[in-house]
Protein backbone atom coordinates (compact mmCIF):
# COMPACT_ATOMS: atom_id res chain seq x y z
CA MET A 1 -0.04 0.23 -0.04
CA THR A 2 1.58 3.68 -0.67
CA SER A 3 1.32 6.57 1.59
CA ALA A 4 -1.79 8.90 0.47
CA SER A 5 -1.26 12.49 0.43
CA LYS A 6 -3.02 13.12 3.52
CA PRO A 7 -3.65 10.73 5.79
CA PRO A 8 -6.92 8.48 6.67
CA VAL A 9 -8.96 9.62 10.02
CA ILE A 10 -8.67 6.20 12.42
CA ASP A 11 -10.46 5.81 15.81
CA ILE A 12 -8.18 5.59 18.15
CA ASP A 13 -9.39 6.54 21.24
CA GLY A 14 -9.69 4.46 24.22
CA PRO A 15 -6.99 3.78 27.06
CA GLU A 16 -5.51 0.22 25.44
CA ASN A 17 -4.07 2.72 22.79
CA GLU A 18 -2.19 5.53 25.02
CA ASP A 19 1.04 3.47 25.06
CA TRP A 20 0.78 3.61 21.27
CA ILE A 21 0.24 7.18 20.87
CA LYS A 22 3.12 7.88 23.19
CA GLN A 23 5.59 5.84 21.04
CA VAL A 24 4.20 7.48 18.04
CA THR A 25 4.66 11.09 19.26
CA ARG A 26 8.49 9.89 20.87
CA ARG A 27 9.58 8.68 17.16
CA ARG A 28 7.70 11.82 15.26
CA ASP A 29 9.54 14.57 17.44
CA ALA A 30 12.71 12.72 17.33
CA ARG A 31 12.93 11.65 13.30
CA ARG A 32 10.27 13.33 11.21
CA SER A 33 7.90 15.88 10.04
CA VAL A 34 4.11 15.36 11.99
CA ASP A 35 2.70 14.91 8.20
CA ASP A 36 5.24 12.31 7.00
CA MET A 37 4.80 10.21 10.63
CA ALA A 38 1.34 10.41 10.72
CA SER A 39 1.13 9.44 7.05
CA ALA A 40 3.68 6.42 7.89
CA TRP A 41 1.60 5.06 10.78
CA ALA A 42 -1.47 5.38 9.05
CA ASP A 43 -0.37 2.95 6.48
CA ALA A 44 0.89 0.93 9.05
CA ALA A 45 -2.69 0.74 11.16
CA VAL A 46 -4.55 0.44 8.02
CA SER A 47 -2.29 -2.73 6.81
CA ALA A 48 -2.84 -4.26 10.33
CA ILE A 49 -6.69 -3.67 10.33
CA ALA A 50 -6.59 -5.39 6.79
CA LYS A 51 -4.50 -8.50 8.12
CA ASP A 52 -6.05 -8.92 11.40
CA LYS A 53 -8.44 -11.84 10.63
CA GLY A 54 -8.64 -13.11 14.50
CA TRP A 55 -5.04 -13.75 15.32
CA ALA A 56 -3.08 -11.96 18.54
CA PRO A 57 0.58 -12.18 19.30
CA GLY A 58 0.95 -15.22 21.49
CA PRO A 59 4.14 -16.75 23.29
CA ASN A 60 7.69 -16.87 21.94
CA ALA A 61 7.18 -14.81 19.01
CA GLY A 62 4.59 -17.15 17.59
CA TRP A 63 0.88 -16.21 16.62
CA LYS A 64 -2.14 -17.93 18.60
CA ARG A 65 -5.92 -17.44 18.10
CA LYS A 66 -8.42 -14.98 19.36
CA ASP A 67 -11.18 -17.71 19.44
CA ASP A 68 -8.78 -20.33 20.50
CA ALA A 69 -9.00 -21.96 17.32
CA THR A 70 -5.75 -24.09 15.75
CA ARG A 71 -5.26 -23.61 12.49
CA VAL A 72 -2.13 -22.37 10.32
CA PRO A 73 -2.11 -18.66 10.26
CA ASP A 74 -3.70 -17.58 6.64
CA HIS A 75 -0.57 -15.42 5.93
CA MET A 76 1.38 -18.49 6.12
CA ARG A 77 -1.14 -20.50 4.36
CA ASN A 78 0.85 -20.77 0.97
CA GLN A 79 4.14 -21.33 2.97
CA VAL A 80 2.63 -24.60 4.25
CA ALA A 81 1.82 -28.05 1.97
CA GLN A 82 0.56 -31.22 3.88
CA GLY A 83 -0.83 -34.13 1.81
CA THR A 84 -0.14 -37.70 0.31
CA SER A 85 2.09 -38.02 -2.90
CA GLY A 86 -0.35 -37.03 -5.19
CA ASP A 87 -0.58 -33.70 -3.61
CA PHE A 88 3.50 -33.35 -4.35
CA ASP A 89 5.95 -33.87 -7.19
CA LEU A 90 8.52 -35.53 -5.73
CA ALA A 91 10.94 -35.35 -7.98
CA ALA A 92 11.15 -32.02 -7.72
CA LEU A 93 11.35 -31.87 -4.46
CA ARG A 94 14.12 -34.48 -4.47
CA GLU A 95 16.24 -31.96 -6.70
CA GLU A 96 15.16 -29.11 -3.80
CA VAL A 97 17.02 -30.51 -1.01
CA ALA A 98 19.98 -31.79 -3.74
CA ASP A 99 22.81 -29.20 -1.93
CA TRP A 100 21.15 -29.45 1.83
CA PRO A 101 23.93 -30.97 4.03
CA LEU A 102 24.39 -34.97 3.80
CA ALA A 103 22.46 -35.49 7.15
CA GLU A 104 19.15 -33.33 6.46
CA LYS A 105 19.21 -34.24 2.31
CA SER A 106 19.04 -38.15 3.68
CA TYR A 107 16.15 -37.72 6.07
CA ALA A 108 14.63 -35.41 3.41
CA GLN A 109 15.22 -38.28 1.20
CA ALA A 110 13.76 -41.04 3.16
CA ALA A 111 10.63 -39.14 4.02
CA PHE A 112 10.00 -38.91 0.11
CA ASN A 113 10.78 -42.48 -0.06
CA ARG A 114 7.94 -42.83 2.39
CA VAL A 115 5.15 -40.81 1.09
CA ALA A 116 5.80 -42.35 -2.12
CA ASN A 117 5.96 -45.90 -0.92
CA GLU A 118 3.18 -45.94 1.91
CA PRO A 119 -0.09 -44.50 0.81
CA ASP A 120 -1.28 -44.20 4.61
CA VAL A 121 2.22 -41.59 5.22
CA ASN A 122 1.62 -37.94 4.78
CA LEU A 123 4.33 -35.24 3.82
CA LEU A 124 4.09 -32.03 5.14
CA THR A 125 6.41 -29.14 3.98
CA THR A 126 7.26 -25.43 4.92
CA ARG A 127 9.07 -22.68 2.56
CA ALA A 128 10.48 -19.00 3.17
CA LYS A 129 8.72 -16.38 2.05
CA ASP A 130 11.08 -16.22 -1.22
CA GLY A 131 9.69 -19.81 -1.95
CA THR A 132 13.09 -21.50 -0.57
CA LEU A 133 12.21 -25.18 0.89
CA GLN A 134 13.12 -25.11 4.56
CA SER A 135 11.72 -28.24 6.17
CA VAL A 136 10.22 -31.48 5.41
CA ALA A 137 8.34 -33.68 7.50
CA SER A 138 6.27 -37.30 7.07
CA TYR A 139 3.50 -38.61 9.16
CA ALA A 140 1.03 -40.90 9.57
CA ILE A 141 -1.82 -41.79 11.91
CA VAL A 142 -1.36 -44.54 13.49
CA GLU A 143 -2.15 -46.62 16.64
CA ASP A 144 -4.78 -45.46 19.33
CA GLY A 145 -5.59 -42.37 16.76
CA LEU A 146 -1.43 -40.67 17.67
CA LEU A 147 -0.06 -38.43 15.00
CA GLU A 148 3.24 -40.09 14.29
CA VAL A 149 6.34 -38.21 13.01
CA ASP A 150 9.20 -40.74 11.42
CA LEU A 151 10.88 -38.15 10.17
CA LEU A 152 11.67 -34.73 10.53
CA THR A 153 14.10 -32.46 9.05
CA SER A 154 14.92 -28.90 8.12
CA ASN A 155 17.46 -26.46 6.55
CA GLY A 156 16.19 -23.05 7.63
CA PRO A 157 17.02 -20.51 10.26
CA ALA A 158 16.59 -21.02 14.10
CA GLY A 159 13.22 -21.69 14.83
CA THR A 160 12.05 -23.60 11.61
CA GLY A 161 12.04 -26.93 13.42
CA ARG A 162 9.57 -25.53 15.96
CA ALA A 163 7.73 -23.71 13.40
CA THR A 164 7.00 -26.90 11.56
CA MET A 165 6.44 -28.89 14.97
CA ARG A 166 3.91 -26.18 15.63
CA HIS A 167 2.08 -27.02 12.13
CA LEU A 168 2.04 -30.93 12.96
CA ALA A 169 0.27 -30.02 16.39
CA ALA A 170 -2.11 -28.01 14.89
CA THR A 171 -2.76 -31.20 12.59
CA ALA A 172 -3.04 -33.49 15.39
CA ALA A 173 -5.33 -30.75 17.62
CA LYS A 174 -8.18 -30.48 15.21
CA GLU A 175 -8.97 -33.97 15.81
CA GLY A 176 -7.94 -34.25 19.52
CA ARG A 177 -5.00 -36.78 19.05
CA GLY A 178 -1.70 -37.00 20.79
CA MET A 179 1.53 -36.96 19.15
CA THR A 180 4.76 -39.16 18.95
CA VAL A 181 8.27 -38.59 17.20
CA HIS A 182 10.86 -40.55 16.87
CA ALA A 183 13.93 -38.62 17.26
CA ALA A 184 17.23 -39.11 16.18
CA ARG A 185 20.18 -38.61 18.97
CA ALA A 186 21.32 -34.71 17.34
CA SER A 187 17.82 -33.70 17.74
CA ARG A 188 16.49 -34.83 20.82
CA GLU A 189 17.27 -32.35 23.38
CA PHE A 190 15.03 -30.01 20.94
CA TYR A 191 11.88 -32.25 21.61
CA GLU A 192 12.66 -31.91 25.38
CA GLN A 193 13.13 -28.21 24.91
CA ILE A 194 9.76 -27.65 23.76
CA GLY A 195 8.42 -29.94 25.84
CA MET A 196 7.89 -33.74 24.98
CA THR A 197 8.24 -36.41 27.19
CA ALA A 198 10.75 -39.27 26.15
CA THR A 199 8.65 -42.64 26.61
CA ALA A 200 11.02 -44.90 24.81
CA GLU A 201 14.75 -44.84 23.61
CA GLY A 202 14.53 -41.60 20.81
CA VAL A 203 10.48 -41.39 21.05
CA TYR A 204 9.25 -38.28 22.54
CA ALA A 205 5.46 -37.61 22.67
CA PHE A 206 2.77 -34.82 23.76
CA THR A 207 -0.32 -35.96 24.98
CA PRO A 208 -3.85 -34.65 23.55
CA GLU A 209 -3.78 -31.73 26.02
CA GLU A 210 -0.34 -31.32 25.34
CA THR A 211 -0.78 -31.49 21.29
CA ALA A 212 -3.12 -28.49 21.54
CA ALA A 213 -1.38 -25.99 23.74
CA PHE A 214 1.52 -26.29 21.99
CA ALA A 215 -0.29 -26.16 18.65
CA LYS A 216 -1.60 -22.50 20.45
CA GLY A 217 1.60 -21.26 21.38
CA GLU A 218 1.01 -21.81 25.06
CA PRO A 219 3.47 -23.62 28.06
CA ILE A 220 3.09 -27.24 28.52
CA GLN A 221 1.54 -28.10 31.50
CA LYS A 222 3.02 -31.59 32.15
CA ASP A 223 1.13 -34.34 33.79
CA LYS A 224 -2.96 -33.88 33.02
CA GLY A 225 -3.88 -37.59 34.05
CA TRP A 226 -1.86 -39.47 31.10
CA MET A 227 1.16 -41.35 31.21
CA PRO A 228 3.22 -43.54 28.79
CA GLY A 229 2.35 -46.49 28.10
CA ASP A 230 3.56 -49.80 26.47
CA ASN A 231 5.71 -49.16 22.67
CA ALA A 232 5.15 -45.26 23.41
CA MET A 233 1.58 -45.14 23.27
CA TRP A 234 0.08 -43.19 26.20
CA ARG A 235 -2.45 -44.43 28.62
CA ARG A 236 -4.75 -43.03 31.39
CA ARG A 237 -3.14 -43.06 35.06
CA ASP A 238 -5.14 -44.78 37.09
CA GLY A 239 -4.57 -43.42 40.63
CA THR A 240 -1.70 -46.36 41.86
CA VAL A 241 0.85 -45.29 40.03
CA ASP A 242 2.31 -41.97 40.75
CA LYS A 243 5.53 -41.97 39.12
CA PRO A 244 6.07 -41.86 35.28
CA TRP A 245 7.62 -44.75 33.32
CA VAL A 246 11.15 -44.91 32.48
CA PRO A 247 12.35 -47.42 29.64
CA GLY A 248 13.83 -50.13 30.70
CA SER A 249 11.95 -50.15 34.68
CA PRO A 250 9.30 -52.56 35.43
CA ASP A 251 5.92 -51.20 33.74
CA PRO A 252 3.72 -49.04 36.25
CA GLY A 253 0.86 -51.05 37.89
CA SER A 254 2.59 -53.92 37.58
CA GLU A 255 4.53 -56.70 39.82
CA PRO A 256 7.99 -55.66 41.12
CA THR A 257 10.72 -57.07 38.82
CA LYS A 258 14.17 -57.68 40.02
CA ALA A 259 16.39 -54.41 39.93
CA THR A 260 18.69 -53.57 37.22
CA LEU A 261 22.04 -54.84 37.37
CA GLU A 262 24.41 -52.65 39.13
CA ARG A 263 28.14 -53.40 37.96
CA LYS A 264 30.32 -53.63 40.51
CA PRO A 265 34.19 -53.30 39.55
CA GLU A 266 36.48 -56.11 38.78
CA PRO A 267 39.14 -57.31 41.22
CA LYS A 268 42.64 -55.52 40.68
CA PRO A 269 45.30 -57.72 41.51
CA ALA A 270 49.00 -56.81 40.94
CA SER A 271 49.50 -58.81 37.51
CA LYS A 272 46.32 -57.11 35.96
CA PRO A 273 48.01 -55.39 32.97
CA GLU A 274 47.11 -51.77 32.43
CA ALA A 275 44.25 -51.04 29.95
CA PRO A 276 43.40 -48.24 27.81
CA LYS A 277 41.45 -45.35 29.30
CA PRO A 278 38.11 -45.33 27.92
CA LYS A 279 37.22 -42.40 25.03
CA GLY A 280 33.79 -41.04 26.02
CA LYS A 281 31.09 -41.68 28.72
CA THR A 282 29.14 -44.90 28.05
CA LYS A 283 25.07 -44.09 27.86
CA LEU A 284 23.25 -47.10 28.09
CA PRO A 285 19.30 -46.32 27.96
CA TYR A 286 19.11 -50.34 30.04
CA ARG A 287 21.73 -53.00 31.52
CA PRO A 288 20.80 -56.86 32.21
CA GLY A 289 19.20 -58.02 35.33
CA LYS A 290 21.25 -59.43 38.20
CA GLU A 291 19.89 -63.18 38.13
CA ALA A 292 21.49 -62.65 34.19
CA ALA A 293 24.51 -61.59 35.78
CA SER A 294 24.33 -64.07 38.32
CA THR A 295 23.92 -67.04 36.10
CA VAL A 296 27.02 -65.71 34.07
CA GLU A 297 29.32 -65.98 37.18
CA GLU A 298 27.64 -69.70 38.31
CA ASN A 299 28.17 -70.82 34.96
CA GLN A 300 31.84 -69.56 35.26
CA LYS A 301 32.48 -70.70 38.52
CA ASN A 302 31.19 -74.16 37.65
CA TYR A 303 34.21 -74.58 34.77
CA TRP A 304 36.88 -73.45 36.81
CA ASP A 305 35.99 -76.02 39.56
CA GLN A 306 35.81 -78.70 36.96
CA HIS A 307 39.42 -77.91 35.03
CA PRO A 308 41.82 -78.00 38.14
CA GLU A 309 44.54 -77.55 35.49
CA LEU A 310 43.45 -74.00 34.76
CA HIS A 311 44.18 -72.73 38.69
CA GLU A 312 48.10 -72.18 37.93
CA MET A 313 46.82 -69.23 36.25
CA GLY A 314 45.95 -67.86 39.29
CA THR A 315 42.65 -67.69 41.16
CA LEU A 316 39.10 -67.11 39.14
CA GLU A 317 38.85 -63.55 39.81
CA GLU A 318 42.55 -63.14 38.92
CA VAL A 319 41.54 -64.18 35.61
CA LYS A 320 38.08 -62.79 34.72
CA ALA A 321 39.94 -59.17 35.36
CA LYS A 322 42.92 -60.17 33.36
CA ALA A 323 40.81 -61.43 30.66
CA ALA A 324 38.63 -58.75 30.45
CA ALA A 325 41.55 -55.97 30.34
CA HIS A 326 42.90 -57.70 27.56
CA LEU A 327 39.25 -57.61 25.93
CA GLN A 328 39.36 -53.97 26.31
CA ALA A 329 42.59 -53.20 25.12
CA ALA A 330 42.16 -55.31 21.98
CA VAL A 331 38.65 -53.47 20.91
CA SER A 332 38.94 -49.87 22.85
CA ASP A 333 40.46 -48.33 19.57
CA HIS A 334 39.09 -50.63 16.97
CA PRO A 335 36.02 -48.70 15.19
CA ILE A 336 32.27 -50.78 15.15
CA ALA A 337 30.99 -51.96 12.01
CA THR A 338 28.19 -53.96 10.35
CA ARG A 339 27.28 -55.05 6.95
CA THR A 340 24.99 -55.95 4.23
CA ASP A 341 24.83 -56.88 1.10
CA VAL A 342 24.14 -54.45 -1.77
CA HIS A 343 20.19 -54.95 -1.80
CA ALA A 344 20.10 -54.02 1.68
CA ALA A 345 22.45 -51.36 1.02
CA GLU A 346 20.08 -49.17 -1.23
CA GLY A 347 17.53 -50.06 1.72
CA VAL A 348 19.36 -48.05 4.45
CA LEU A 349 20.21 -45.43 1.88
CA ASP A 350 16.51 -45.13 1.11
CA ASP A 351 15.20 -44.94 4.62
CA ALA A 352 18.45 -42.77 5.75
CA ARG A 353 19.03 -45.53 8.51
CA PHE A 354 19.91 -49.09 9.36
CA LYS A 355 16.70 -51.34 10.12
CA THR A 356 16.78 -54.11 13.20
CA THR A 357 16.64 -57.84 12.71
CA PHE A 358 13.27 -57.43 13.84
CA GLU A 359 12.17 -55.17 11.13
CA THR A 360 13.93 -57.20 8.19
CA LEU A 361 14.47 -60.70 9.75
CA THR A 362 17.58 -61.06 7.54
CA SER A 363 20.15 -62.26 10.16
CA THR A 364 21.90 -64.85 8.71
CA GLY A 365 21.18 -66.85 11.99
CA GLY A 366 16.86 -66.11 11.70
CA GLU A 367 16.33 -66.11 7.63
CA SER A 368 14.29 -68.67 7.59
CA GLY A 369 11.78 -67.91 4.35
CA ASP A 370 8.38 -69.67 6.37
CA GLU A 371 6.37 -67.85 8.44
CA GLU A 372 7.11 -70.36 11.62
CA SER A 373 10.71 -70.17 11.71
CA GLY A 374 10.16 -66.49 11.35
CA VAL A 375 8.26 -66.32 14.81
CA TRP A 376 10.42 -68.74 16.65
CA TYR A 377 13.18 -66.12 15.61
CA ARG A 378 11.56 -63.36 16.90
CA GLU A 379 10.86 -64.67 20.06
CA ALA A 380 14.12 -66.19 20.77
CA ARG A 381 16.00 -63.30 19.72
CA ALA A 382 13.69 -61.08 22.23
CA SER A 383 14.05 -62.98 25.06
CA ALA A 384 17.87 -63.47 24.04
CA GLU A 385 18.34 -59.30 24.17
CA HIS A 386 15.89 -58.91 27.17
CA ARG A 387 18.04 -61.43 29.47
CA GLY A 388 21.73 -60.68 27.87
CA MET A 389 20.99 -56.54 27.61
CA GLY A 390 17.57 -56.00 29.64
CA VAL A 391 15.50 -54.75 26.27
CA PRO A 392 12.43 -54.95 27.58
CA GLU A 393 10.22 -57.32 25.39
CA ASN A 394 7.35 -55.01 24.42
CA ILE A 395 9.77 -52.55 22.98
CA SER A 396 8.64 -51.64 19.36
CA PRO A 397 11.06 -53.54 16.48
CA ASN A 398 12.40 -50.11 15.22
CA LEU A 399 13.93 -49.60 19.16
CA ARG A 400 16.04 -52.64 19.23
CA PRO A 401 19.38 -52.65 19.14
CA VAL A 402 21.49 -53.17 15.78
CA TYR A 403 24.15 -55.75 15.77
CA GLY A 404 27.31 -55.38 13.96
CA TYR A 405 31.12 -56.02 15.19
CA SER A 406 34.37 -55.10 16.55
CA VAL A 407 36.63 -54.16 13.17
CA GLY A 408 39.76 -56.52 13.23
CA HIS A 409 37.26 -59.10 15.02
CA ALA A 410 34.82 -59.50 12.66
CA GLY A 411 35.22 -63.83 12.53
CA ASP A 412 32.89 -64.63 9.50
CA ALA A 413 31.21 -60.95 8.70
CA ASP A 414 31.63 -61.23 5.12
CA ALA A 415 28.68 -63.35 5.09
CA TYR A 416 26.49 -60.93 5.82
CA GLY A 417 27.31 -58.94 2.75
CA GLU A 418 30.19 -57.18 1.46
CA VAL A 419 29.41 -53.77 2.21
CA GLU A 420 31.23 -52.78 5.42
CA TRP A 421 29.97 -49.84 7.27
CA ILE A 422 32.48 -47.92 9.41
CA LEU A 423 30.39 -46.21 12.68
CA LYS A 424 31.96 -43.17 14.43
CA ASP A 425 33.25 -43.58 17.37
CA GLU A 426 30.49 -41.89 19.28
CA CYS A 427 28.67 -44.86 18.74
CA LYS A 428 30.80 -46.79 20.90
CA THR A 429 29.42 -45.00 24.31
CA ARG A 430 25.73 -46.53 23.54
CA ALA A 431 27.61 -49.80 22.66
CA THR A 432 27.72 -53.26 24.52
CA LEU A 433 29.67 -56.21 23.25
CA CYS A 434 30.04 -60.21 23.99
CA VAL A 435 32.93 -62.66 22.63
CA GLY A 436 30.76 -64.62 19.89
CA ASP A 437 27.32 -64.82 18.91
CA SER A 438 25.06 -63.31 21.40
CA LEU A 439 22.23 -65.40 20.39
CA PRO A 440 22.50 -68.46 21.96
CA GLN A 441 24.81 -67.45 24.96
CA PHE A 442 22.27 -64.74 26.12
CA ASP A 443 19.98 -67.07 25.93
CA GLY A 444 21.32 -69.83 27.74
CA GLY A 445 23.29 -67.41 30.44
CA GLU A 446 26.66 -67.92 28.63
CA ALA A 447 27.24 -64.15 28.60
CA ILE A 448 25.87 -61.14 29.17
CA GLY A 449 26.29 -57.47 27.02
CA THR A 450 28.81 -54.83 28.92
CA PRO A 451 29.73 -51.62 28.16
CA TYR A 452 31.93 -51.87 24.99
CA LEU A 453 34.14 -48.83 26.68
CA GLU A 454 33.84 -50.65 29.82
CA PRO A 455 33.79 -54.22 29.28
CA THR A 456 34.10 -56.89 32.03
CA ALA A 457 34.24 -60.99 31.92
CA ALA A 458 30.21 -61.04 31.86
CA SER A 459 30.95 -60.47 28.31
CA ILE A 460 33.00 -64.35 27.91
CA ASN A 461 31.99 -67.30 28.21
CA ALA A 462 33.32 -69.51 30.95
CA TYR A 463 35.31 -71.55 28.41
CA ASP A 464 37.23 -68.32 26.43
CA LEU A 465 37.77 -66.95 30.18
CA PRO A 466 41.15 -68.66 29.87
CA ILE A 467 41.83 -68.08 26.66
CA LEU A 468 41.61 -64.36 26.83
CA ALA A 469 43.63 -64.42 30.18
CA ARG A 470 46.81 -65.41 28.23
CA ASP A 471 49.74 -63.11 28.51
CA ASP A 472 51.37 -64.68 25.15
CA THR A 473 50.03 -63.16 22.78
CA SER A 474 49.32 -58.81 21.32
CA ALA A 475 45.60 -59.72 21.21
CA PRO A 476 45.80 -61.72 23.80
CA GLY A 477 43.22 -64.64 22.72
CA LEU A 478 40.89 -63.49 20.38
CA THR A 479 42.32 -65.66 17.35
CA ASP A 480 41.61 -68.36 19.25
CA VAL A 481 38.61 -67.74 20.16
CA GLY A 482 37.37 -67.08 16.68
CA ALA A 483 38.31 -63.34 16.41
CA TYR A 484 34.50 -62.51 16.59
CA VAL A 485 33.28 -59.60 18.91
CA GLU A 486 29.82 -59.19 18.49
CA VAL A 487 28.77 -55.49 19.27
CA GLN A 488 25.27 -54.29 19.87
CA VAL A 489 24.13 -50.73 19.20
CA HIS A 490 21.57 -49.19 21.24
CA GLY A 491 19.52 -45.95 20.19
CA GLY A 492 19.48 -46.65 16.29
CA VAL A 493 22.03 -46.15 13.76
CA THR A 494 21.05 -43.60 10.67
CA LEU A 495 23.50 -42.69 7.81
CA GLY A 496 24.69 -40.03 10.32
CA ASP A 497 26.62 -42.36 11.98
CA VAL A 498 28.83 -43.52 9.24
CA ALA A 499 32.42 -42.57 9.31
CA LYS A 500 32.85 -44.45 5.81
CA VAL A 501 31.73 -47.50 3.37
CA VAL A 502 34.70 -49.96 2.33
CA ILE A 503 33.08 -52.32 -0.38
CA HIS A 504 34.65 -55.64 -0.14
CA ASP A 505 35.47 -57.86 -4.14
CA PRO A 506 32.32 -60.17 -3.48
CA GLY A 507 33.99 -62.07 -6.39
CA TYR A 508 31.44 -61.34 -9.49
CA PRO A 509 32.98 -60.59 -12.63
CA THR A 510 33.47 -56.63 -13.77
CA GLY A 511 30.41 -56.13 -16.00
CA SER A 512 27.82 -58.41 -14.30
CA LYS A 513 24.78 -57.24 -13.19
CA TYR A 514 25.49 -58.07 -9.71
CA ALA A 515 28.31 -55.53 -10.20
CA ARG A 516 26.86 -52.98 -12.24
CA LYS A 517 24.66 -52.69 -8.83
CA VAL A 518 27.51 -52.26 -6.77
CA ASP A 519 28.85 -49.22 -9.43
CA GLU A 520 25.47 -47.83 -8.81
CA LEU A 521 25.83 -47.90 -4.88
CA LYS A 522 29.02 -46.43 -4.95
CA ARG A 523 27.96 -43.61 -7.16
CA ARG A 524 24.93 -43.17 -4.64
CA LEU A 525 27.06 -43.30 -1.60
CA THR A 526 29.88 -40.52 -2.88
CA GLY A 527 26.80 -38.34 -4.02
CA LEU A 528 25.46 -38.28 -0.47
CA GLY A 529 28.70 -37.06 0.59
CA LEU A 530 29.86 -40.38 2.34
CA THR A 531 33.62 -41.29 2.17
CA VAL A 532 34.08 -44.52 0.22
CA GLU A 533 36.61 -47.28 -0.18
CA ASP A 534 36.58 -49.92 -3.18
CA HIS A 535 39.00 -53.02 -2.34
CA ARG A 536 36.94 -54.98 -5.34
CA GLY A 537 39.87 -56.25 -6.87
CA ALA A 538 42.59 -55.81 -4.66
CA GLU A 539 41.10 -58.60 -2.03
């Protein structure tokens, strides 16, 4: 709107405008003539009146409806788009995110893939005033009517993520829904800051009341009679439970279970070798119970008592301390890795994360091809993870551990595929390990998972204890036990956790169909900015 030669007459009488009039007067006297200032403020007032469609300033520099409605402001409607795959030009969106940073680009591409392949998944995008794409989120309505956000990423200025979440909350609040979000580790602090509650490892939630409050820009009032329930859902508090549920603790209202394992330091005999100082602080979401640890100790003692020829090595406690120190020395400076074949690697790039064996059922030990064997595998693995690591048996499949190994102690890892994903050292702080295959050992009470950075003898079965305690090799005993140290990474693994990718020689002739797929995979990896080492023809 252009300034008129004569300012229009506007009725601004009333005590509510006194401060505004004083500000106008002060600025007029200090900066410009009476006529110029009056004209400028008249324009601003008329423009504000024209734009006022029921909105008022809200907290945190946001806006809220005067009538408490929860919808996207009219002046932002051209910057926000929601719908299914048919409502978007996904090819054009993929081009728009091509120059985004690696992690943000990967999540955006994964969101586009979900929307393209799953009819129940919706997409939300936001743009700056100049039309630049700023954020992408995929979401769906899931069990119990919750709005579940599984991928949200942004490449905009500070506040973009919060604004995007407010749009999603407005969508959920229209139908009285709560919200859950699957959060990458780097973004978890953000979801805590906006008032969401952690209901499981990597899962944050708003109750329906909190969703409505957040959509309006109001402060989040915690605990209105709701509490986290199983599998990141919400349930009503029944009056018998007075504390929120913490993942890995007994389910509220259920019979008390045994306390989680409190690790005790191993004895430190004079002959115990100096182990390298752990790098980083271990942060695990759960620990195995005391009963499982006690069973391992009992099995180790029984084996020791049955083999008196081993007693010349010292006491059992001395042997356990030495074996644990040797294990730590052998793995502490080695990265963690996991392997896939080319087909699974393509899925990793599509999803921007590694799926667990419960989602894929492609572990070499559990691949079956028939439903009966698949059911057996799920039950056996769930039991082993609960016993050996304290993983809740009813946890969502995508929140279960991702399996790998310590590089240099990989055993027959090449059976899992020729694509080796080397993970960043940060993953060590949330990883556990055991010597050998965890499934039979955890299930049989022969070992439990202990922290990768601070392993104890409980991760070593009774037979391998004296082997790892020997002093006559540089990597004591690991070669003798199959050179396989299995690692379990908790909290999910995404492309952002990958340090580099090594492509090993699958043995297929150059130019074959499979070799061409490997070439295409390599192009995709380098296109995402990942470091790739191609060892084909050199092994």
